Amino acid sequence: MSISSTELAAKRKSWPGESEGYAQARQKLLAEEIELQRHIDSVAEQRRKLPPGPVIDKDYRFKDVNGDEVGLADLFGDKETLVTYFWMYGPERERPCPMCTNLLGPLDANAKDLQQRVALAILGRSPVERQVAFARERGWRHLQFHQTVGDDFALDFGGLDPAKGWEYPVLAVFRKTGDGVRLFWKGEMTGEMADAGKDPRGGPDFAPLWLALDLTPEGRGEKWYPKLEYY
């Protein structure tokens, strides 16, 4: 039986000069942080125990950096699990989405580590050469970019609304099994599921920017978003 978060938080050591009010509030918050970590672990375990997802029957095609056309199964390489991120950088965009760009920067820094365990592919509707050119501009060195051939993947996975002409980011994980490629998990938070005044996002947040800001007195802010350039 696990020790309660309250008991564990009581082991906290006080800082010199802290007030009694701060000590009490910080210990209470620490208990909540312990509970949060336990809940994150529990959700991750539930995710890992999902029943087999649907088999991907459609032959989605992609163009790699060599100009070769490949299928979804080819993106796995020698791995059994494939993590994909469809970013908002369609051919009609002059520049890619700042939020997607902010997420891909840290992902590039961790790509080599991730690729020891899983395959990782970044997918976009712009020509792959255009995606790679932007990656070089940002100093990204490890992400592997692919152009979606046609819009079937974007449409089927919720990355494109043809009526509005809007793109949406899509985080999806696939698993290669004996009977083909299956969808393991896909981010499914939509605007209809977001709390009032909040952007739709999954939990835990995938972008370290927001996690870092959550540690500060100012927080995320209500109207602030990252930009591609700051002057």
Protein backbone atom coordinates (compact mmCIF):
# COMPACT_ATOMS: atom_id res chain seq x y z
CA MET A 1 0.00 0.00 0.00
CA SER A 2 1.43 3.37 -1.00
CA ILE A 3 2.08 6.07 1.54
CA SER A 4 -0.35 8.97 1.34
CA SER A 5 0.79 12.12 -0.41
CA THR A 6 0.12 14.08 2.77
CA GLU A 7 2.52 11.87 4.74
CA LEU A 8 5.18 12.14 2.08
CA ALA A 9 4.82 15.92 1.83
CA ALA A 10 5.30 16.13 5.60
CA LYS A 11 8.91 15.02 5.03
CA ARG A 12 9.60 18.37 3.32
CA LYS A 13 12.50 20.34 4.80
CA SER A 14 11.83 24.01 5.43
CA TRP A 15 13.91 26.81 3.90
CA PRO A 16 15.67 29.34 6.15
CA GLY A 17 13.59 32.47 6.52
CA GLU A 18 10.35 31.08 5.14
CA SER A 19 7.19 32.15 6.95
CA GLU A 20 4.87 29.69 8.62
CA GLY A 21 2.22 30.57 6.06
CA TYR A 22 4.57 29.80 3.17
CA ALA A 23 5.69 26.52 4.78
CA GLN A 24 2.12 25.33 5.26
CA ALA A 25 1.00 26.35 1.77
CA ARG A 26 4.08 24.82 0.13
CA GLN A 27 3.65 21.53 1.99
CA LYS A 28 0.00 21.36 0.94
CA LEU A 29 0.98 22.09 -2.65
CA LEU A 30 3.70 19.43 -2.50
CA ALA A 31 1.08 16.86 -1.56
CA GLU A 32 -0.94 17.90 -4.60
CA GLU A 33 2.17 17.64 -6.80
CA ILE A 34 2.77 14.10 -5.54
CA GLU A 35 -0.87 13.23 -6.34
CA LEU A 36 -0.50 14.79 -9.78
CA GLN A 37 2.55 12.67 -10.57
CA ARG A 38 0.72 9.57 -9.41
CA HIS A 39 -2.23 10.44 -11.65
CA ILE A 40 0.07 11.03 -14.63
CA ASP A 41 1.61 7.59 -14.02
CA SER A 42 -1.84 6.04 -13.73
CA VAL A 43 -3.05 7.60 -16.99
CA ALA A 44 0.12 6.44 -18.77
CA GLU A 45 -0.46 2.91 -17.51
CA GLN A 46 -4.07 2.98 -18.72
CA ARG A 47 -2.83 4.18 -22.11
CA ARG A 48 -0.33 1.32 -22.34
CA LYS A 49 -3.11 -1.17 -21.56
CA LEU A 50 -5.40 -0.03 -24.36
CA PRO A 51 -6.83 -2.94 -26.37
CA PRO A 52 -5.46 -3.31 -29.91
CA GLY A 53 -6.50 -0.32 -31.97
CA PRO A 54 -7.95 -0.36 -35.48
CA VAL A 55 -5.89 -1.72 -38.34
CA ILE A 56 -4.87 1.01 -40.79
CA ASP A 57 -6.14 -0.38 -44.09
CA LYS A 58 -5.71 2.74 -46.22
CA ASP A 59 -2.41 3.01 -48.07
CA TYR A 60 -1.27 6.43 -46.88
CA ARG A 61 1.71 7.65 -48.89
CA PHE A 62 4.50 10.03 -47.96
CA LYS A 63 7.53 11.53 -49.68
CA ASP A 64 10.82 11.37 -47.79
CA VAL A 65 13.83 13.68 -47.97
CA ASN A 66 15.28 11.60 -50.83
CA GLY A 67 12.17 12.16 -52.91
CA ASP A 68 11.10 8.54 -52.55
CA GLU A 69 7.47 7.65 -51.95
CA VAL A 70 6.93 5.43 -48.91
CA GLY A 71 4.03 3.99 -46.98
CA LEU A 72 3.11 4.27 -43.32
CA ALA A 73 4.70 0.90 -42.53
CA ASP A 74 8.00 2.12 -43.99
CA LEU A 75 8.20 4.93 -41.43
CA PHE A 76 8.76 2.37 -38.66
CA GLY A 77 12.23 1.38 -39.84
CA ASP A 78 13.37 -1.38 -37.48
CA LYS A 79 11.06 -0.29 -34.64
CA GLU A 80 7.65 -1.65 -33.63
CA THR A 81 6.27 1.72 -32.50
CA LEU A 82 5.99 4.90 -34.55
CA VAL A 83 5.34 8.37 -33.10
CA THR A 84 4.09 10.90 -35.65
CA TYR A 85 3.38 14.61 -35.46
CA PHE A 86 1.45 16.31 -38.25
CA TRP A 87 2.37 19.97 -38.14
CA MET A 88 0.55 22.97 -39.50
CA TYR A 89 2.75 23.82 -42.47
CA GLY A 90 0.60 23.43 -45.55
CA PRO A 91 1.69 24.76 -48.95
CA GLU A 92 -0.66 27.72 -48.59
CA ARG A 93 1.16 28.91 -45.47
CA GLU A 94 3.92 31.47 -45.86
CA ARG A 95 5.43 30.30 -42.57
CA PRO A 96 4.60 27.35 -40.32
CA CYS A 97 2.47 27.52 -37.19
CA PRO A 98 4.43 29.13 -34.29
CA MET A 99 2.93 26.68 -31.77
CA CYS A 100 3.97 23.67 -33.85
CA THR A 101 7.40 25.22 -34.31
CA ASN A 102 7.74 25.73 -30.56
CA LEU A 103 6.92 22.08 -29.94
CA LEU A 104 9.23 20.69 -32.63
CA GLY A 105 12.31 22.52 -31.32
CA PRO A 106 12.50 20.54 -28.05
CA LEU A 107 11.42 17.40 -29.90
CA ASP A 108 14.41 17.77 -32.22
CA ALA A 109 16.69 18.05 -29.18
CA ASN A 110 15.30 14.74 -27.88
CA ALA A 111 14.96 12.96 -31.23
CA LYS A 112 18.17 10.95 -30.98
CA ASP A 113 17.17 9.65 -27.57
CA LEU A 114 13.62 8.85 -28.68
CA GLN A 115 14.87 7.01 -31.74
CA GLN A 116 16.64 4.50 -29.50
CA ARG A 117 13.20 3.26 -28.49
CA VAL A 118 10.72 4.27 -31.20
CA ALA A 119 10.53 5.62 -34.74
CA LEU A 120 9.71 9.31 -35.03
CA ALA A 121 8.30 11.03 -38.12
CA ILE A 122 7.18 14.62 -38.71
CA LEU A 123 4.49 14.89 -41.37
CA GLY A 124 3.37 17.98 -43.26
CA ARG A 125 1.47 18.99 -46.39
CA SER A 126 4.20 21.28 -47.70
CA PRO A 127 6.86 19.84 -50.02
CA VAL A 128 9.41 18.01 -47.93
CA GLU A 129 12.15 20.28 -49.28
CA ARG A 130 10.31 23.27 -47.85
CA GLN A 131 9.97 21.60 -44.46
CA VAL A 132 13.66 20.71 -44.37
CA ALA A 133 14.63 24.26 -45.37
CA PHE A 134 12.73 25.66 -42.41
CA ALA A 135 14.26 23.04 -40.11
CA ARG A 136 17.73 24.17 -41.16
CA GLU A 137 16.74 27.78 -40.53
CA ARG A 138 15.79 26.82 -36.96
CA GLY A 139 18.92 24.73 -36.44
CA TRP A 140 17.02 21.44 -36.17
CA ARG A 141 19.25 18.51 -37.05
CA HIS A 142 17.59 15.27 -36.01
CA LEU A 143 13.90 15.29 -37.00
CA GLN A 144 12.86 13.31 -40.06
CA PHE A 145 10.36 15.15 -42.24
CA HIS A 146 7.89 13.65 -44.70
CA GLN A 147 5.41 15.22 -47.08
CA THR A 148 1.94 13.75 -47.14
CA VAL A 149 1.05 12.66 -50.67
CA GLY A 150 -2.45 13.99 -51.14
CA ASP A 151 -4.60 14.98 -48.18
CA ASP A 152 -6.05 11.63 -47.15
CA PHE A 153 -3.93 11.35 -44.02
CA ALA A 154 -4.65 14.93 -42.93
CA LEU A 155 -8.38 14.55 -43.58
CA ASP A 156 -8.78 11.13 -41.95
CA PHE A 157 -6.80 12.04 -38.83
CA GLY A 158 -8.31 15.47 -38.27
CA GLY A 159 -5.40 17.56 -39.51
CA LEU A 160 -7.39 19.41 -42.16
CA ASP A 161 -10.85 20.98 -42.36
CA PRO A 162 -11.47 21.42 -46.10
CA ALA A 163 -14.58 23.53 -45.57
CA LYS A 164 -12.66 26.16 -43.61
CA GLY A 165 -9.24 25.50 -45.09
CA TRP A 166 -7.82 25.20 -41.57
CA GLU A 167 -5.06 22.87 -40.42
CA TYR A 168 -4.76 21.27 -37.00
CA PRO A 169 -1.82 19.52 -35.33
CA VAL A 170 -2.13 15.77 -34.90
CA LEU A 171 -0.10 13.63 -32.51
CA ALA A 172 -0.56 9.93 -33.24
CA VAL A 173 1.20 6.73 -32.23
CA PHE A 174 1.09 3.57 -34.33
CA ARG A 175 2.07 -0.01 -33.59
CA LYS A 176 3.28 -2.60 -36.09
CA THR A 177 1.81 -6.04 -35.40
CA GLY A 178 1.56 -9.37 -37.18
CA ASP A 179 -1.63 -8.29 -38.91
CA GLY A 180 -0.37 -4.89 -40.08
CA VAL A 181 -0.15 -1.38 -38.71
CA ARG A 182 -2.60 -0.43 -35.97
CA LEU A 183 -3.42 2.91 -34.42
CA PHE A 184 -2.26 2.70 -30.81
CA TRP A 185 -3.25 6.17 -29.60
CA LYS A 186 -4.14 9.57 -31.03
CA GLY A 187 -4.65 12.90 -29.32
CA GLU A 188 -8.39 13.50 -29.42
CA MET A 189 -8.95 16.70 -27.46
CA THR A 190 -10.98 19.13 -29.56
CA GLY A 191 -12.31 22.62 -29.02
CA GLU A 192 -15.64 21.18 -27.88
CA MET A 193 -13.86 19.37 -25.04
CA ALA A 194 -11.86 22.35 -23.75
CA ASP A 195 -12.78 24.08 -20.51
CA ALA A 196 -14.21 27.57 -20.86
CA GLY A 197 -11.52 30.07 -21.77
CA LYS A 198 -8.93 27.34 -22.37
CA ASP A 199 -7.29 26.07 -25.53
CA PRO A 200 -7.91 22.38 -26.27
CA ARG A 201 -4.91 20.36 -25.15
CA GLY A 202 -4.20 16.89 -23.91
CA GLY A 203 -2.76 16.02 -20.55
CA PRO A 204 0.00 16.09 -19.66
CA ASP A 205 0.97 18.93 -21.97
CA PHE A 206 3.37 17.82 -24.71
CA ALA A 207 5.20 21.16 -24.99
CA PRO A 208 7.84 22.01 -22.33
CA LEU A 209 7.23 25.75 -22.86
CA TRP A 210 3.93 25.61 -21.02
CA LEU A 211 5.21 23.32 -18.29
CA ALA A 212 8.03 25.77 -17.57
CA LEU A 213 5.65 28.74 -17.47
CA ASP A 214 3.36 26.81 -15.11
CA LEU A 215 6.19 26.96 -12.55
CA THR A 216 6.29 30.76 -12.58
CA PRO A 217 4.22 33.39 -10.71
CA GLU A 218 3.00 34.81 -14.02
CA GLY A 219 1.88 31.45 -15.41
CA ARG A 220 1.00 30.95 -19.06
CA GLY A 221 -0.89 34.18 -19.44
CA GLU A 222 -4.30 34.40 -21.04
CA LYS A 223 -3.41 35.84 -24.43
CA TRP A 224 0.32 35.18 -24.89
CA TYR A 225 1.52 32.75 -27.56
CA PRO A 226 5.00 32.03 -28.92
CA LYS A 227 6.13 33.65 -32.17
CA LEU A 228 8.51 32.56 -34.90
CA GLU A 229 10.70 35.63 -34.36
CA TYR A 230 11.17 38.21 -31.61
CA TYR A 231 12.51 41.69 -32.29
